[in-house]
C-alpha cells in the first residue's frame, strides 16, 4: 500500500510539576492536533473515511523509555498509528508544589505528527 505524506504538524507539551514524559508527550500531541484541520484529505485527496489516514507520531523528550506508548497514541482520533520516541526535549528546574506533583523539574516534549494517505 503506497502511502504519501500529506501534512507534518509540530506540537509542544510540558509537565510543569512532576517531570512525567508521558503527560508532556500527550500535551505535545494535543497541541499539534489543535492546529490541524485536514479538510484537504477529503476535499482534494478524496478520502471518504478518516480511518484511511496513517499518523506517524515522533516524540522527542527526556527519559524516552518512560513514555507509555498506548496513552500517547490514544490521543490520535483517527487512522492507523505508530509511535517513535527519541531522546530530546528539555528538562529544566522549576518549582516544587506538592499538591501538583513531586519534584521541581519541568519536562518538555516535542511532537511531530506526519499524516499520510494511501494514494491508490
PDB file of N, CA and C in Angstrom:
ATOM      1  N   UNK A   1       0.842  -1.177   0.000  1.00  0.00           N
ATOM      2  CA  UNK A   1       0.000   0.000   0.000  1.00  0.00           C
ATOM      3  C   UNK A   1       0.890   1.245   0.000  1.00  0.00           C
ATOM      4  N   UNK A   2       0.995   1.973  -1.110  1.00  0.00           N
ATOM      5  CA  UNK A   2       1.859   3.152  -1.158  1.00  0.00           C
ATOM      6  C   UNK A   2       1.209   4.357  -0.463  1.00  0.00           C
ATOM      7  N   UNK A   3       1.823   4.805   0.607  1.00  0.00           N
ATOM      8  CA  UNK A   3       1.325   5.973   1.322  1.00  0.00           C
ATOM      9  C   UNK A   3       2.106   7.204   0.893  1.00  0.00           C
ATOM     10  N   UNK A   4       1.420   8.331   0.864  1.00  0.00           N
ATOM     11  CA  UNK A   4       2.046   9.605   0.525  1.00  0.00           C
ATOM     12  C   UNK A   4       1.787  10.571   1.673  1.00  0.00           C
ATOM     13  N   UNK A   5       2.833  11.266   2.097  1.00  0.00           N
ATOM     14  CA  UNK A   5       2.684  12.237   3.181  1.00  0.00           C
ATOM     15  C   UNK A   5       1.778  13.376   2.749  1.00  0.00           C
ATOM     16  N   UNK A   6       0.910  13.778   3.659  1.00  0.00           N
ATOM     17  CA  UNK A   6       0.022  14.896   3.371  1.00  0.00           C
ATOM     18  C   UNK A   6       0.380  16.118   4.208  1.00  0.00           C
ATOM     19  N   UNK A   7       0.659  15.912   5.476  1.00  0.00           N
ATOM     20  CA  UNK A   7       0.972  17.047   6.349  1.00  0.00           C
ATOM     21  C   UNK A   7       1.903  16.588   7.466  1.00  0.00           C
ATOM     22  N   UNK A   8       2.745  17.521   7.912  1.00  0.00           N
ATOM     23  CA  UNK A   8       3.547  17.336   9.119  1.00  0.00           C
ATOM     24  C   UNK A   8       3.212  18.504  10.032  1.00  0.00           C
ATOM     25  N   UNK A   9       2.782  18.199  11.244  1.00  0.00           N
ATOM     26  CA  UNK A   9       2.444  19.241  12.222  1.00  0.00           C
ATOM     27  C   UNK A   9       3.276  19.017  13.474  1.00  0.00           C
ATOM     28  N   UNK A  10       3.699  20.107  14.099  1.00  0.00           N
ATOM     29  CA  UNK A  10       4.531  20.040  15.295  1.00  0.00           C
ATOM     30  C   UNK A  10       3.751  20.516  16.505  1.00  0.00           C
ATOM     31  N   UNK A  11       4.105  19.979  17.671  1.00  0.00           N
ATOM     32  CA  UNK A  11       3.459  20.391  18.906  1.00  0.00           C
ATOM     33  C   UNK A  11       4.432  20.389  20.066  1.00  0.00           C
ATOM     34  N   UNK A  12       4.069  21.133  21.103  1.00  0.00           N
ATOM     35  CA  UNK A  12       4.885  21.296  22.304  1.00  0.00           C
ATOM     36  C   UNK A  12       4.042  20.945  23.508  1.00  0.00           C
ATOM     37  N   UNK A  13       4.633  20.253  24.459  1.00  0.00           N
ATOM     38  CA  UNK A  13       3.926  19.945  25.692  1.00  0.00           C
ATOM     39  C   UNK A  13       4.883  19.890  26.852  1.00  0.00           C
ATOM     40  N   UNK A  14       4.398  20.253  28.030  1.00  0.00           N
ATOM     41  CA  UNK A  14       5.256  20.249  29.213  1.00  0.00           C
ATOM     42  C   UNK A  14       4.497  19.710  30.411  1.00  0.00           C
ATOM     43  N   UNK A  15       5.242  19.074  31.303  1.00  0.00           N
ATOM     44  CA  UNK A  15       4.734  18.752  32.630  1.00  0.00           C
ATOM     45  C   UNK A  15       5.503  19.652  33.581  1.00  0.00           C
ATOM     46  N   UNK A  16       4.810  20.629  34.147  1.00  0.00           N
ATOM     47  CA  UNK A  16       5.454  21.639  34.980  1.00  0.00           C
ATOM     48  C   UNK A  16       5.762  21.141  36.387  1.00  0.00           C
ATOM     49  N   UNK A  17       5.063  20.124  36.835  1.00  0.00           N
ATOM     50  CA  UNK A  17       5.244  19.606  38.193  1.00  0.00           C
ATOM     51  C   UNK A  17       5.211  18.084  38.140  1.00  0.00           C
ATOM     52  N   UNK A  18       6.365  17.465  38.196  1.00  0.00           N
ATOM     53  CA  UNK A  18       6.404  16.016  38.204  1.00  0.00           C
ATOM     54  C   UNK A  18       7.283  15.404  37.143  1.00  0.00           C
ATOM     55  N   UNK A  19       7.633  16.147  36.115  1.00  0.00           N
ATOM     56  CA  UNK A  19       8.536  15.675  35.054  1.00  0.00           C
ATOM     57  C   UNK A  19       8.087  14.342  34.463  1.00  0.00           C
ATOM     58  N   UNK A  20       6.798  14.222  34.171  1.00  0.00           N
ATOM     59  CA  UNK A  20       6.245  12.996  33.600  1.00  0.00           C
ATOM     60  C   UNK A  20       6.327  13.079  32.069  1.00  0.00           C
ATOM     61  N   UNK A  21       7.174  12.246  31.425  1.00  0.00           N
ATOM     62  CA  UNK A  21       7.320  12.345  29.974  1.00  0.00           C
ATOM     63  C   UNK A  21       6.055  11.938  29.215  1.00  0.00           C
ATOM     64  N   UNK A  22       5.255  11.041  29.761  1.00  0.00           N
ATOM     65  CA  UNK A  22       4.006  10.665  29.080  1.00  0.00           C
ATOM     66  C   UNK A  22       3.038  11.837  29.081  1.00  0.00           C
ATOM     67  N   UNK A  23       2.891  12.496  30.212  1.00  0.00           N
ATOM     68  CA  UNK A  23       1.994  13.648  30.304  1.00  0.00           C
ATOM     69  C   UNK A  23       2.438  14.750  29.336  1.00  0.00           C
ATOM     70  N   UNK A  24       3.734  15.019  29.290  1.00  0.00           N
ATOM     71  CA  UNK A  24       4.243  16.038  28.374  1.00  0.00           C
ATOM     72  C   UNK A  24       4.041  15.632  26.919  1.00  0.00           C
ATOM     73  N   UNK A  25       4.263  14.356  26.599  1.00  0.00           N
ATOM     74  CA  UNK A  25       4.081  13.867  25.225  1.00  0.00           C
ATOM     75  C   UNK A  25       2.623  13.973  24.795  1.00  0.00           C
ATOM     76  N   UNK A  26       1.701  13.615  25.679  1.00  0.00           N
ATOM     77  CA  UNK A  26       0.273  13.738  25.372  1.00  0.00           C
ATOM     78  C   UNK A  26      -0.079  15.191  25.089  1.00  0.00           C
ATOM     79  N   UNK A  27       0.427  16.085  25.897  1.00  0.00           N
ATOM     80  CA  UNK A  27       0.153  17.514  25.681  1.00  0.00           C
ATOM     81  C   UNK A  27       0.739  17.994  24.359  1.00  0.00           C
ATOM     82  N   UNK A  28       1.907  17.487  23.989  1.00  0.00           N
ATOM     83  CA  UNK A  28       2.522  17.868  22.712  1.00  0.00           C
ATOM     84  C   UNK A  28       1.689  17.367  21.532  1.00  0.00           C
ATOM     85  N   UNK A  29       1.171  16.147  21.633  1.00  0.00           N
ATOM     86  CA  UNK A  29       0.318  15.600  20.571  1.00  0.00           C
ATOM     87  C   UNK A  29      -0.976  16.416  20.471  1.00  0.00           C
ATOM     88  N   UNK A  30      -1.592  16.721  21.601  1.00  0.00           N
ATOM     89  CA  UNK A  30      -2.819  17.528  21.592  1.00  0.00           C
ATOM     90  C   UNK A  30      -2.568  18.908  20.993  1.00  0.00           C
ATOM     91  N   UNK A  31      -1.402  19.492  21.289  1.00  0.00           N
ATOM     92  CA  UNK A  31      -1.052  20.804  20.741  1.00  0.00           C
ATOM     93  C   UNK A  31      -0.962  20.738  19.218  1.00  0.00           C
ATOM     94  N   UNK A  32      -0.316  19.700  18.697  1.00  0.00           N
ATOM     95  CA  UNK A  32      -0.195  19.555  17.240  1.00  0.00           C
ATOM     96  C   UNK A  32      -1.566  19.353  16.601  1.00  0.00           C
ATOM     97  N   UNK A  33      -2.380  18.506  17.198  1.00  0.00           N
ATOM     98  CA  UNK A  33      -3.714  18.236  16.651  1.00  0.00           C
ATOM     99  C   UNK A  33      -4.574  19.498  16.656  1.00  0.00           C
ATOM    100  N   UNK A  34      -4.416  20.327  17.677  1.00  0.00           N
ATOM    101  CA  UNK A  34      -5.280  21.504  17.822  1.00  0.00           C
ATOM    102  C   UNK A  34      -5.074  22.534  16.714  1.00  0.00           C
ATOM    103  N   UNK A  35      -3.983  22.428  15.973  1.00  0.00           N
ATOM    104  CA  UNK A  35      -3.731  23.366  14.872  1.00  0.00           C
ATOM    105  C   UNK A  35      -3.938  22.739  13.508  1.00  0.00           C
ATOM    106  N   UNK A  36      -4.544  21.579  13.458  1.00  0.00           N
ATOM    107  CA  UNK A  36      -4.650  20.849  12.193  1.00  0.00           C
ATOM    108  C   UNK A  36      -6.100  20.607  11.807  1.00  0.00           C
ATOM    109  N   UNK A  37      -6.475  21.130  10.664  1.00  0.00           N
ATOM    110  CA  UNK A  37      -7.759  20.792  10.046  1.00  0.00           C
ATOM    111  C   UNK A  37      -7.399  20.137   8.716  1.00  0.00           C
ATOM    112  N   UNK A  38      -7.693  18.869   8.604  1.00  0.00           N
ATOM    113  CA  UNK A  38      -7.246  18.098   7.452  1.00  0.00           C
ATOM    114  C   UNK A  38      -8.323  18.001   6.375  1.00  0.00           C
ATOM    115  N   UNK A  39      -9.026  19.086   6.148  1.00  0.00           N
ATOM    116  CA  UNK A  39     -10.122  19.062   5.176  1.00  0.00           C
ATOM    117  C   UNK A  39      -9.627  18.729   3.770  1.00  0.00           C
ATOM    118  N   UNK A  40      -8.376  19.044   3.463  1.00  0.00           N
ATOM    119  CA  UNK A  40      -7.831  18.721   2.152  1.00  0.00           C
ATOM    120  C   UNK A  40      -7.783  17.226   1.882  1.00  0.00           C
ATOM    121  N   UNK A  41      -7.686  16.432   2.940  1.00  0.00           N
ATOM    122  CA  UNK A  41      -7.715  14.985   2.749  1.00  0.00           C
ATOM    123  C   UNK A  41      -9.038  14.555   2.122  1.00  0.00           C
ATOM    124  N   UNK A  42     -10.095  15.213   2.514  1.00  0.00           N
ATOM    125  CA  UNK A  42     -11.425  14.883   1.995  1.00  0.00           C
ATOM    126  C   UNK A  42     -11.704  15.628   0.690  1.00  0.00           C
ATOM    127  N   UNK A  43     -11.429  16.938   0.665  1.00  0.00           N
ATOM    128  CA  UNK A  43     -11.781  17.779  -0.478  1.00  0.00           C
ATOM    129  C   UNK A  43     -10.857  17.614  -1.682  1.00  0.00           C
ATOM    130  N   UNK A  44      -9.582  17.376  -1.451  1.00  0.00           N
ATOM    131  CA  UNK A  44      -8.623  17.302  -2.549  1.00  0.00           C
ATOM    132  C   UNK A  44      -8.199  15.858  -2.830  1.00  0.00           C
ATOM    133  N   UNK A  45      -7.782  15.160  -1.781  1.00  0.00           N
ATOM    134  CA  UNK A  45      -7.306  13.786  -1.940  1.00  0.00           C
ATOM    135  C   UNK A  45      -8.469  12.833  -2.186  1.00  0.00           C
ATOM    136  N   UNK A  46      -9.609  13.118  -1.563  1.00  0.00           N
ATOM    137  CA  UNK A  46     -10.798  12.317  -1.811  1.00  0.00           C
ATOM    138  C   UNK A  46     -11.018  11.140  -0.890  1.00  0.00           C
ATOM    139  N   UNK A  47     -10.378  11.134   0.281  1.00  0.00           N
ATOM    140  CA  UNK A  47     -10.691  10.029   1.188  1.00  0.00           C
ATOM    141  C   UNK A  47     -12.116  10.210   1.705  1.00  0.00           C
ATOM    142  N   UNK A  48     -12.759   9.119   2.018  1.00  0.00           N
ATOM    143  CA  UNK A  48     -14.143   9.168   2.485  1.00  0.00           C
ATOM    144  C   UNK A  48     -14.269   8.851   3.969  1.00  0.00           C
ATOM    145  N   UNK A  49     -13.244   8.248   4.534  1.00  0.00           N
ATOM    146  CA  UNK A  49     -13.272   7.814   5.928  1.00  0.00           C
ATOM    147  C   UNK A  49     -11.973   8.253   6.589  1.00  0.00           C
ATOM    148  N   UNK A  50     -12.035   8.973   7.724  1.00  0.00           N
ATOM    149  CA  UNK A  50     -10.790   9.399   8.374  1.00  0.00           C
ATOM    150  C   UNK A  50      -9.928   8.228   8.828  1.00  0.00           C
ATOM    151  N   UNK A  51     -10.502   7.048   8.905  1.00  0.00           N
ATOM    152  CA  UNK A  51      -9.740   5.862   9.251  1.00  0.00           C
ATOM    153  C   UNK A  51      -8.750   5.461   8.171  1.00  0.00           C
ATOM    154  N   UNK A  52      -8.873   6.055   6.980  1.00  0.00           N
ATOM    155  CA  UNK A  52      -7.964   5.738   5.875  1.00  0.00           C
ATOM    156  C   UNK A  52      -6.583   6.374   6.033  1.00  0.00           C
ATOM    157  N   UNK A  53      -6.466   7.342   6.944  1.00  0.00           N
ATOM    158  CA  UNK A  53      -5.173   8.007   7.104  1.00  0.00           C
ATOM    159  C   UNK A  53      -4.265   7.210   8.041  1.00  0.00           C
ATOM    160  N   UNK A  54      -2.973   7.483   7.920  1.00  0.00           N
ATOM    161  CA  UNK A  54      -1.978   6.893   8.815  1.00  0.00           C
ATOM    162  C   UNK A  54      -1.259   8.044   9.497  1.00  0.00           C
ATOM    163  N   UNK A  55      -1.107   7.964  10.826  1.00  0.00           N
ATOM    164  CA  UNK A  55      -0.458   9.022  11.583  1.00  0.00           C
ATOM    165  C   UNK A  55       0.788   8.455  12.255  1.00  0.00           C
ATOM    166  N   UNK A  56       1.934   8.984  11.852  1.00  0.00           N
ATOM    167  CA  UNK A  56       3.208   8.621  12.471  1.00  0.00           C
ATOM    168  C   UNK A  56       3.558   9.710  13.478  1.00  0.00           C
ATOM    169  N   UNK A  57       3.673   9.326  14.726  1.00  0.00           N
ATOM    170  CA  UNK A  57       3.979  10.264  15.806  1.00  0.00           C
ATOM    171  C   UNK A  57       5.423  10.055  16.220  1.00  0.00           C
ATOM    172  N   UNK A  58       6.167  11.146  16.283  1.00  0.00           N
ATOM    173  CA  UNK A  58       7.539  11.096  16.792  1.00  0.00           C
ATOM    174  C   UNK A  58       7.623  12.071  17.957  1.00  0.00           C
ATOM    175  N   UNK A  59       8.087  11.573  19.091  1.00  0.00           N
ATOM    176  CA  UNK A  59       8.212  12.377  20.300  1.00  0.00           C
ATOM    177  C   UNK A  59       9.685  12.493  20.656  1.00  0.00           C
ATOM    178  N   UNK A  60      10.127  13.706  20.949  1.00  0.00           N
ATOM    179  CA  UNK A  60      11.452  13.935  21.496  1.00  0.00           C
ATOM    180  C   UNK A  60      11.293  14.427  22.919  1.00  0.00           C
ATOM    181  N   UNK A  61      11.847  13.694  23.874  1.00  0.00           N
ATOM    182  CA  UNK A  61      11.723  14.091  25.277  1.00  0.00           C
ATOM    183  C   UNK A  61      12.824  13.463  26.114  1.00  0.00           C
ATOM    184  N   UNK A  62      13.110  14.058  27.282  1.00  0.00           N
ATOM    185  CA  UNK A  62      13.984  13.379  28.228  1.00  0.00           C
ATOM    186  C   UNK A  62      13.277  12.121  28.732  1.00  0.00           C
ATOM    187  N   UNK A  63      14.032  11.130  29.105  1.00  0.00           N
ATOM    188  CA  UNK A  63      13.502   9.863  29.610  1.00  0.00           C
ATOM    189  C   UNK A  63      12.556   9.188  28.609  1.00  0.00           C
ATOM    190  N   UNK A  64      12.981   9.003  27.355  1.00  0.00           N
ATOM    191  CA  UNK A  64      12.084   8.422  26.345  1.00  0.00           C
ATOM    192  C   UNK A  64      11.589   7.025  26.696  1.00  0.00           C
ATOM    193  N   UNK A  65      12.351   6.277  27.442  1.00  0.00           N
ATOM    194  CA  UNK A  65      11.937   4.935  27.830  1.00  0.00           C
ATOM    195  C   UNK A  65      10.784   4.902  28.814  1.00  0.00           C
ATOM    196  N   UNK A  66      10.469   6.052  29.414  1.00  0.00           N
ATOM    197  CA  UNK A  66       9.372   6.131  30.385  1.00  0.00           C
ATOM    198  C   UNK A  66       8.039   6.542  29.756  1.00  0.00           C
ATOM    199  N   UNK A  67       8.024   6.801  28.460  1.00  0.00           N
ATOM    200  CA  UNK A  67       6.781   7.202  27.784  1.00  0.00           C
ATOM    201  C   UNK A  67       5.901   5.971  27.586  1.00  0.00           C
ATOM    202  N   UNK A  68       4.638   6.082  27.990  1.00  0.00           N
ATOM    203  CA  UNK A  68       3.672   4.993  27.822  1.00  0.00           C
ATOM    204  C   UNK A  68       3.010   5.165  26.455  1.00  0.00           C
ATOM    205  N   UNK A  69       3.435   4.334  25.504  1.00  0.00           N
ATOM    206  CA  UNK A  69       3.012   4.478  24.106  1.00  0.00           C
ATOM    207  C   UNK A  69       1.499   4.457  23.939  1.00  0.00           C
ATOM    208  N   UNK A  70       0.817   3.534  24.595  1.00  0.00           N
ATOM    209  CA  UNK A  70      -0.631   3.394  24.423  1.00  0.00           C
ATOM    210  C   UNK A  70      -1.366   4.673  24.820  1.00  0.00           C
ATOM    211  N   UNK A  71      -0.899   5.343  25.866  1.00  0.00           N
ATOM    212  CA  UNK A  71      -1.553   6.572  26.317  1.00  0.00           C
ATOM    213  C   UNK A  71      -1.359   7.704  25.311  1.00  0.00           C
ATOM    214  N   UNK A  72      -0.172   7.783  24.731  1.00  0.00           N
ATOM    215  CA  UNK A  72       0.105   8.833  23.743  1.00  0.00           C
ATOM    216  C   UNK A  72      -0.699   8.584  22.470  1.00  0.00           C
ATOM    217  N   UNK A  73      -0.672   7.356  21.971  1.00  0.00           N
ATOM    218  CA  UNK A  73      -1.388   7.046  20.727  1.00  0.00           C
ATOM    219  C   UNK A  73      -2.902   7.144  20.893  1.00  0.00           C
ATOM    220  N   UNK A  74      -3.408   7.005  22.099  1.00  0.00           N
ATOM    221  CA  UNK A  74      -4.850   7.131  22.336  1.00  0.00           C
ATOM    222  C   UNK A  74      -5.353   8.538  22.014  1.00  0.00           C
ATOM    223  N   UNK A  75      -4.470   9.511  21.950  1.00  0.00           N
ATOM    224  CA  UNK A  75      -4.859  10.894  21.638  1.00  0.00           C
ATOM    225  C   UNK A  75      -5.102  11.115  20.149  1.00  0.00           C
ATOM    226  N   UNK A  76      -4.652  10.188  19.308  1.00  0.00           N
ATOM    227  CA  UNK A  76      -4.857  10.306  17.860  1.00  0.00           C
ATOM    228  C   UNK A  76      -6.245   9.757  17.565  1.00  0.00           C
ATOM    229  N   UNK A  77      -7.169  10.611  17.077  1.00  0.00           N
ATOM    230  CA  UNK A  77      -8.570  10.177  16.965  1.00  0.00           C
ATOM    231  C   UNK A  77      -8.880   9.246  15.796  1.00  0.00           C
ATOM    232  N   UNK A  78      -8.071   9.264  14.732  1.00  0.00           N
ATOM    233  CA  UNK A  78      -8.419   8.504  13.539  1.00  0.00           C
ATOM    234  C   UNK A  78      -7.198   7.834  12.938  1.00  0.00           C
ATOM    235  N   UNK A  79      -7.455   6.802  12.158  1.00  0.00           N
ATOM    236  CA  UNK A  79      -6.434   6.188  11.338  1.00  0.00           C
ATOM    237  C   UNK A  79      -5.578   5.177  12.057  1.00  0.00           C
ATOM    238  N   UNK A  80      -4.664   4.608  11.291  1.00  0.00           N
ATOM    239  CA  UNK A  80      -3.671   3.734  11.880  1.00  0.00           C
ATOM    240  C   UNK A  80      -2.592   4.620  12.486  1.00  0.00           C
ATOM    241  N   UNK A  81      -1.886   4.090  13.476  1.00  0.00           N
ATOM    242  CA  UNK A  81      -0.970   4.919  14.241  1.00  0.00           C
ATOM    243  C   UNK A  81       0.328   4.181  14.505  1.00  0.00           C
ATOM    244  N   UNK A  82       1.400   4.955  14.603  1.00  0.00           N
ATOM    245  CA  UNK A  82       2.679   4.411  15.030  1.00  0.00           C
ATOM    246  C   UNK A  82       3.391   5.480  15.855  1.00  0.00           C
ATOM    247  N   UNK A  83       4.263   5.030  16.753  1.00  0.00           N
ATOM    248  CA  UNK A  83       4.958   5.950  17.646  1.00  0.00           C
ATOM    249  C   UNK A  83       6.442   5.629  17.682  1.00  0.00           C
ATOM    250  N   UNK A  84       7.254   6.667  17.600  1.00  0.00           N
ATOM    251  CA  UNK A  84       8.691   6.584  17.817  1.00  0.00           C
ATOM    252  C   UNK A  84       9.028   7.622  18.879  1.00  0.00           C
ATOM    253  N   UNK A  85       9.760   7.228  19.902  1.00  0.00           N
ATOM    254  CA  UNK A  85      10.158   8.155  20.956  1.00  0.00           C
ATOM    255  C   UNK A  85      11.676   8.197  20.999  1.00  0.00           C
ATOM    256  N   UNK A  86      12.223   9.412  20.942  1.00  0.00           N
ATOM    257  CA  UNK A  86      13.669   9.598  20.925  1.00  0.00           C
ATOM    258  C   UNK A  86      14.077  10.570  22.026  1.00  0.00           C
ATOM    259  N   UNK A  87      15.340  10.523  22.363  1.00  0.00           N
ATOM    260  CA  UNK A  87      15.899  11.466  23.332  1.00  0.00           C
ATOM    261  C   UNK A  87      15.823  12.869  22.745  1.00  0.00           C
ATOM    262  N   UNK A  88      15.350  13.810  23.538  1.00  0.00           N
ATOM    263  CA  UNK A  88      15.248  15.192  23.083  1.00  0.00           C
ATOM    264  C   UNK A  88      14.508  16.023  24.107  1.00  0.00           C
ATOM    265  N   UNK A  89      13.881  17.074  23.650  1.00  0.00           N
ATOM    266  CA  UNK A  89      13.113  17.920  24.551  1.00  0.00           C
ATOM    267  C   UNK A  89      14.004  18.675  25.513  1.00  0.00           C
ATOM    268  N   UNK A  90      13.494  18.866  26.737  1.00  0.00           N
ATOM    269  CA  UNK A  90      14.203  19.682  27.703  1.00  0.00           C
ATOM    270  C   UNK A  90      13.797  19.299  29.107  1.00  0.00           C
ATOM    271  N   UNK A  91      14.735  19.319  30.004  1.00  0.00           N
ATOM    272  CA  UNK A  91      14.478  19.142  31.427  1.00  0.00           C
ATOM    273  C   UNK A  91      15.144  20.327  32.114  1.00  0.00           C
ATOM    274  N   UNK A  92      14.354  21.119  32.828  1.00  0.00           N
ATOM    275  CA  UNK A  92      14.888  22.311  33.474  1.00  0.00           C
ATOM    276  C   UNK A  92      14.268  22.466  34.855  1.00  0.00           C
ATOM    277  N   UNK A  93      14.940  23.218  35.693  1.00  0.00           N
ATOM    278  CA  UNK A  93      14.441  23.387  37.049  1.00  0.00           C
ATOM    279  C   UNK A  93      13.229  24.295  37.076  1.00  0.00           C
ATOM    280  N   UNK A  94      12.224  23.855  37.822  1.00  0.00           N
ATOM    281  CA  UNK A  94      11.017  24.641  38.018  1.00  0.00           C
ATOM    282  C   UNK A  94      10.810  24.890  39.496  1.00  0.00           C
ATOM    283  N   UNK A  95       9.616  24.648  39.964  1.00  0.00           N
ATOM    284  CA  UNK A  95       9.245  24.895  41.352  1.00  0.00           C
ATOM    285  C   UNK A  95       8.434  23.715  41.851  1.00  0.00           C
ATOM    286  N   UNK A  96       8.787  23.181  43.014  1.00  0.00           N
ATOM    287  CA  UNK A  96       8.018  22.071  43.569  1.00  0.00           C
ATOM    288  C   UNK A  96       6.796  22.599  44.298  1.00  0.00           C
ATOM    289  N   UNK A  97       5.640  22.125  43.864  1.00  0.00           N
ATOM    290  CA  UNK A  97       4.369  22.408  44.521  1.00  0.00           C
ATOM    291  C   UNK A  97       3.749  21.039  44.793  1.00  0.00           C
ATOM    292  N   UNK A  98       3.904  20.516  46.014  1.00  0.00           N
ATOM    293  CA  UNK A  98       3.500  19.141  46.306  1.00  0.00           C
ATOM    294  C   UNK A  98       2.067  18.796  45.909  1.00  0.00           C
ATOM    295  N   UNK A  99       1.166  19.740  45.976  1.00  0.00           N
ATOM    296  CA  UNK A  99      -0.221  19.433  45.607  1.00  0.00           C
ATOM    297  C   UNK A  99      -0.387  19.216  44.106  1.00  0.00           C
ATOM    298  N   UNK A 100       0.599  19.617  43.305  1.00  0.00           N
ATOM    299  CA  UNK A 100       0.523  19.465  41.847  1.00  0.00           C
ATOM    300  C   UNK A 100       1.416  18.344  41.322  1.00  0.00           C
ATOM    301  N   UNK A 101       2.326  17.855  42.132  1.00  0.00           N
ATOM    302  CA  UNK A 101       3.230  16.786  41.708  1.00  0.00           C
ATOM    303  C   UNK A 101       4.515  16.842  42.477  1.00  0.00           C
ATOM    304  N   UNK A 102       5.289  15.773  42.403  1.00  0.00           N
ATOM    305  CA  UNK A 102       6.539  15.741  43.158  1.00  0.00           C
ATOM    306  C   UNK A 102       7.706  16.129  42.262  1.00  0.00           C
ATOM    307  N   UNK A 103       8.645  16.810  42.842  1.00  0.00           N
ATOM    308  CA  UNK A 103       9.836  17.215  42.115  1.00  0.00           C
ATOM    309  C   UNK A 103       9.745  18.650  41.643  1.00  0.00           C
ATOM    310  N   UNK A 104      10.915  19.218  41.369  1.00  0.00           N
ATOM    311  CA  UNK A 104      10.952  20.613  40.932  1.00  0.00           C
ATOM    312  C   UNK A 104      11.442  20.750  39.497  1.00  0.00           C
ATOM    313  N   UNK A 105      11.298  19.684  38.699  1.00  0.00           N
ATOM    314  CA  UNK A 105      11.727  19.732  37.303  1.00  0.00           C
ATOM    315  C   UNK A 105      10.550  19.938  36.359  1.00  0.00           C
ATOM    316  N   UNK A 106      10.801  20.708  35.317  1.00  0.00           N
ATOM    317  CA  UNK A 106       9.862  20.875  34.202  1.00  0.00           C
ATOM    318  C   UNK A 106      10.388  20.015  33.063  1.00  0.00           C
ATOM    319  N   UNK A 107       9.540  19.172  32.527  1.00  0.00           N
ATOM    320  CA  UNK A 107       9.919  18.318  31.403  1.00  0.00           C
ATOM    321  C   UNK A 107       9.144  18.758  30.171  1.00  0.00           C
ATOM    322  N   UNK A 108       9.872  19.008  29.086  1.00  0.00           N
ATOM    323  CA  UNK A 108       9.274  19.466  27.838  1.00  0.00           C
ATOM    324  C   UNK A 108       9.428  18.380  26.775  1.00  0.00           C
ATOM    325  N   UNK A 109       8.341  18.107  26.067  1.00  0.00           N
ATOM    326  CA  UNK A 109       8.349  17.160  24.952  1.00  0.00           C
ATOM    327  C   UNK A 109       7.936  17.884  23.671  1.00  0.00           C
ATOM    328  N   UNK A 110       8.487  17.441  22.581  1.00  0.00           N
ATOM    329  CA  UNK A 110       8.143  17.946  21.254  1.00  0.00           C
ATOM    330  C   UNK A 110       7.548  16.794  20.459  1.00  0.00           C
ATOM    331  N   UNK A 111       6.481  17.083  19.727  1.00  0.00           N
ATOM    332  CA  UNK A 111       5.832  16.052  18.905  1.00  0.00           C
ATOM    333  C   UNK A 111       5.855  16.467  17.446  1.00  0.00           C
ATOM    334  N   UNK A 112       6.054  15.479  16.601  1.00  0.00           N
ATOM    335  CA  UNK A 112       5.889  15.632  15.159  1.00  0.00           C
ATOM    336  C   UNK A 112       4.857  14.613  14.729  1.00  0.00           C
ATOM    337  N   UNK A 113       3.785  15.074  14.104  1.00  0.00           N
ATOM    338  CA  UNK A 113       2.735  14.187  13.599  1.00  0.00           C
ATOM    339  C   UNK A 113       2.765  14.259  12.072  1.00  0.00           C
ATOM    340  N   UNK A 114       3.008  13.125  11.447  1.00  0.00           N
ATOM    341  CA  UNK A 114       3.031  13.053   9.991  1.00  0.00           C
ATOM    342  C   UNK A 114       1.807  12.248   9.550  1.00  0.00           C
ATOM    343  N   UNK A 115       0.940  12.895   8.775  1.00  0.00           N
ATOM    344  CA  UNK A 115      -0.285  12.254   8.302  1.00  0.00           C
ATOM    345  C   UNK A 115      -0.084  11.854   6.840  1.00  0.00           C
ATOM    346  N   UNK A 116      -0.308  10.580   6.573  1.00  0.00           N
ATOM    347  CA  UNK A 116      -0.167  10.043   5.218  1.00  0.00           C
ATOM    348  C   UNK A 116      -1.456   9.369   4.796  1.00  0.00           C
ATOM    349  N   UNK A 117      -1.642   9.249   3.485  1.00  0.00           N
ATOM    350  CA  UNK A 117      -2.808   8.541   2.952  1.00  0.00           C
ATOM    351  C   UNK A 117      -2.342   7.606   1.828  1.00  0.00           C
ATOM    352  N   UNK A 118      -3.119   6.557   1.637  1.00  0.00           N
ATOM    353  CA  UNK A 118      -2.861   5.615   0.554  1.00  0.00           C
ATOM    354  C   UNK A 118      -3.240   6.294  -0.758  1.00  0.00           C
ATOM    355  N   UNK A 119      -2.312   6.345  -1.698  1.00  0.00           N
ATOM    356  CA  UNK A 119      -2.583   7.059  -2.954  1.00  0.00           C
ATOM    357  C   UNK A 119      -3.195   6.174  -4.020  1.00  0.00           C
ATOM    358  N   UNK A 120      -3.401   4.899  -3.731  1.00  0.00           N
ATOM    359  CA  UNK A 120      -4.049   4.012  -4.714  1.00  0.00           C
ATOM    360  C   UNK A 120      -5.549   4.111  -4.634  1.00  0.00           C
TER     361      UNK A 120
END
